[in-house]
Amino acid sequence: MTDVLDYMGASVSTTTSRDLIVYSAEILREHVDKMVMLLAETIQQCKFDAKEIEEQISTLEYDYEVH
């Protein structure tokens, strides 16, 4: 996906919190349809890596203990 985003000149960012996930993209108008399709695919067909999930759980547990 990175190659496609580079080709389109896209800048994509994500933000997460306990309650939400935000995807945002800056892209040329001519590539908006493709960008919407890529974001939709990312949301609808996401794959979670077990290691990444464990890392997030550890981070959340730490944050909970600290605050």
C-alpha atoms as a PDB file:
ATOM      1  CA  MET A   1       0.000   0.000   0.000  1.00  0.00           C
ATOM      2  CA  THR A   2       2.895   2.353   0.703  1.00  0.00           C
ATOM      3  CA  ASP A   3       3.954   2.282  -2.946  1.00  0.00           C
ATOM      4  CA  VAL A   4       0.421   3.175  -4.082  1.00  0.00           C
ATOM      5  CA  LEU A   5       0.238   6.057  -1.620  1.00  0.00           C
ATOM      6  CA  ASP A   6       3.637   7.341  -2.750  1.00  0.00           C
ATOM      7  CA  TYR A   7       2.567   7.138  -6.396  1.00  0.00           C
ATOM      8  CA  MET A   8      -0.559   9.162  -5.638  1.00  0.00           C
ATOM      9  CA  GLY A   9       1.409  11.701  -3.611  1.00  0.00           C
ATOM     10  CA  ALA A  10      -0.747  10.961  -0.582  1.00  0.00           C
ATOM     11  CA  SER A  11      -0.055  11.883   3.002  1.00  0.00           C
ATOM     12  CA  VAL A  12      -1.942   9.619   5.404  1.00  0.00           C
ATOM     13  CA  SER A  13      -2.047   9.749   9.172  1.00  0.00           C
ATOM     14  CA  THR A  14      -3.839   7.942  11.954  1.00  0.00           C
ATOM     15  CA  THR A  15      -4.697   8.961  15.457  1.00  0.00           C
ATOM     16  CA  THR A  16      -6.000   6.696  18.163  1.00  0.00           C
ATOM     17  CA  SER A  17      -7.382   7.078  21.631  1.00  0.00           C
ATOM     18  CA  ARG A  18      -9.299   4.884  24.013  1.00  0.00           C
ATOM     19  CA  ASP A  19     -12.545   5.686  22.222  1.00  0.00           C
ATOM     20  CA  LEU A  20     -11.719   6.215  18.577  1.00  0.00           C
ATOM     21  CA  ILE A  21      -9.477   5.739  15.582  1.00  0.00           C
ATOM     22  CA  VAL A  22      -9.123   8.563  13.055  1.00  0.00           C
ATOM     23  CA  TYR A  23      -7.716   8.139   9.562  1.00  0.00           C
ATOM     24  CA  SER A  24      -6.957  11.261   7.556  1.00  0.00           C
ATOM     25  CA  ALA A  25      -5.436  11.779   4.139  1.00  0.00           C
ATOM     26  CA  GLU A  26      -4.190  14.648   2.040  1.00  0.00           C
ATOM     27  CA  ILE A  27      -4.266  13.822  -1.643  1.00  0.00           C
ATOM     28  CA  LEU A  28      -4.694  15.392  -5.053  1.00  0.00           C
ATOM     29  CA  ARG A  29      -8.297  15.711  -6.131  1.00  0.00           C
ATOM     30  CA  GLU A  30      -7.755  13.326  -9.056  1.00  0.00           C
ATOM     31  CA  HIS A  31      -6.954  10.466  -6.652  1.00  0.00           C
ATOM     32  CA  VAL A  32      -9.759  10.961  -4.108  1.00  0.00           C
ATOM     33  CA  ASP A  33     -11.827   7.977  -5.325  1.00  0.00           C
ATOM     34  CA  LYS A  34      -8.844   5.623  -5.073  1.00  0.00           C
ATOM     35  CA  MET A  35      -7.960   6.986  -1.623  1.00  0.00           C
ATOM     36  CA  VAL A  36     -11.493   6.432  -0.347  1.00  0.00           C
ATOM     37  CA  MET A  37     -11.350   2.849  -1.662  1.00  0.00           C
ATOM     38  CA  LEU A  38      -8.003   2.248   0.095  1.00  0.00           C
ATOM     39  CA  LEU A  39      -9.257   3.662   3.395  1.00  0.00           C
ATOM     40  CA  ALA A  40     -12.452   1.612   3.145  1.00  0.00           C
ATOM     41  CA  GLU A  41     -10.403  -1.536   2.476  1.00  0.00           C
ATOM     42  CA  THR A  42      -8.162  -0.767   5.442  1.00  0.00           C
ATOM     43  CA  ILE A  43     -11.153  -0.384   7.744  1.00  0.00           C
ATOM     44  CA  GLN A  44     -13.261  -3.253   6.433  1.00  0.00           C
ATOM     45  CA  GLN A  45     -10.529  -5.840   5.880  1.00  0.00           C
ATOM     46  CA  CYS A  46      -8.092  -5.036   8.657  1.00  0.00           C
ATOM     47  CA  LYS A  47      -5.791  -7.724   9.948  1.00  0.00           C
ATOM     48  CA  PHE A  48      -4.513  -7.664  13.492  1.00  0.00           C
ATOM     49  CA  ASP A  49      -1.125  -9.129  14.282  1.00  0.00           C
ATOM     50  CA  ALA A  50      -1.105 -10.956  17.639  1.00  0.00           C
ATOM     51  CA  LYS A  51       2.226  -9.344  18.614  1.00  0.00           C
ATOM     52  CA  GLU A  52       0.894  -5.852  17.892  1.00  0.00           C
ATOM     53  CA  ILE A  53      -2.215  -6.542  19.960  1.00  0.00           C
ATOM     54  CA  GLU A  54      -0.095  -7.697  22.900  1.00  0.00           C
ATOM     55  CA  GLU A  55       2.045  -4.548  22.631  1.00  0.00           C
ATOM     56  CA  GLN A  56      -1.071  -2.371  22.691  1.00  0.00           C
ATOM     57  CA  ILE A  57      -2.467  -4.227  25.687  1.00  0.00           C
ATOM     58  CA  SER A  58       0.806  -3.703  27.546  1.00  0.00           C
ATOM     59  CA  THR A  59       0.754  -0.005  26.702  1.00  0.00           C
ATOM     60  CA  LEU A  60      -2.838   0.369  27.861  1.00  0.00           C
ATOM     61  CA  GLU A  61      -2.136  -1.488  31.096  1.00  0.00           C
ATOM     62  CA  TYR A  62       0.842   0.767  31.769  1.00  0.00           C
ATOM     63  CA  ASP A  63      -1.164   3.908  31.013  1.00  0.00           C
ATOM     64  CA  TYR A  64      -3.928   2.721  33.307  1.00  0.00           C
ATOM     65  CA  GLU A  65      -1.495   2.087  36.162  1.00  0.00           C
ATOM     66  CA  VAL A  66       0.274   5.440  35.740  1.00  0.00           C
ATOM     67  CA  HIS A  67      -2.904   7.519  35.552  1.00  0.00           C
END
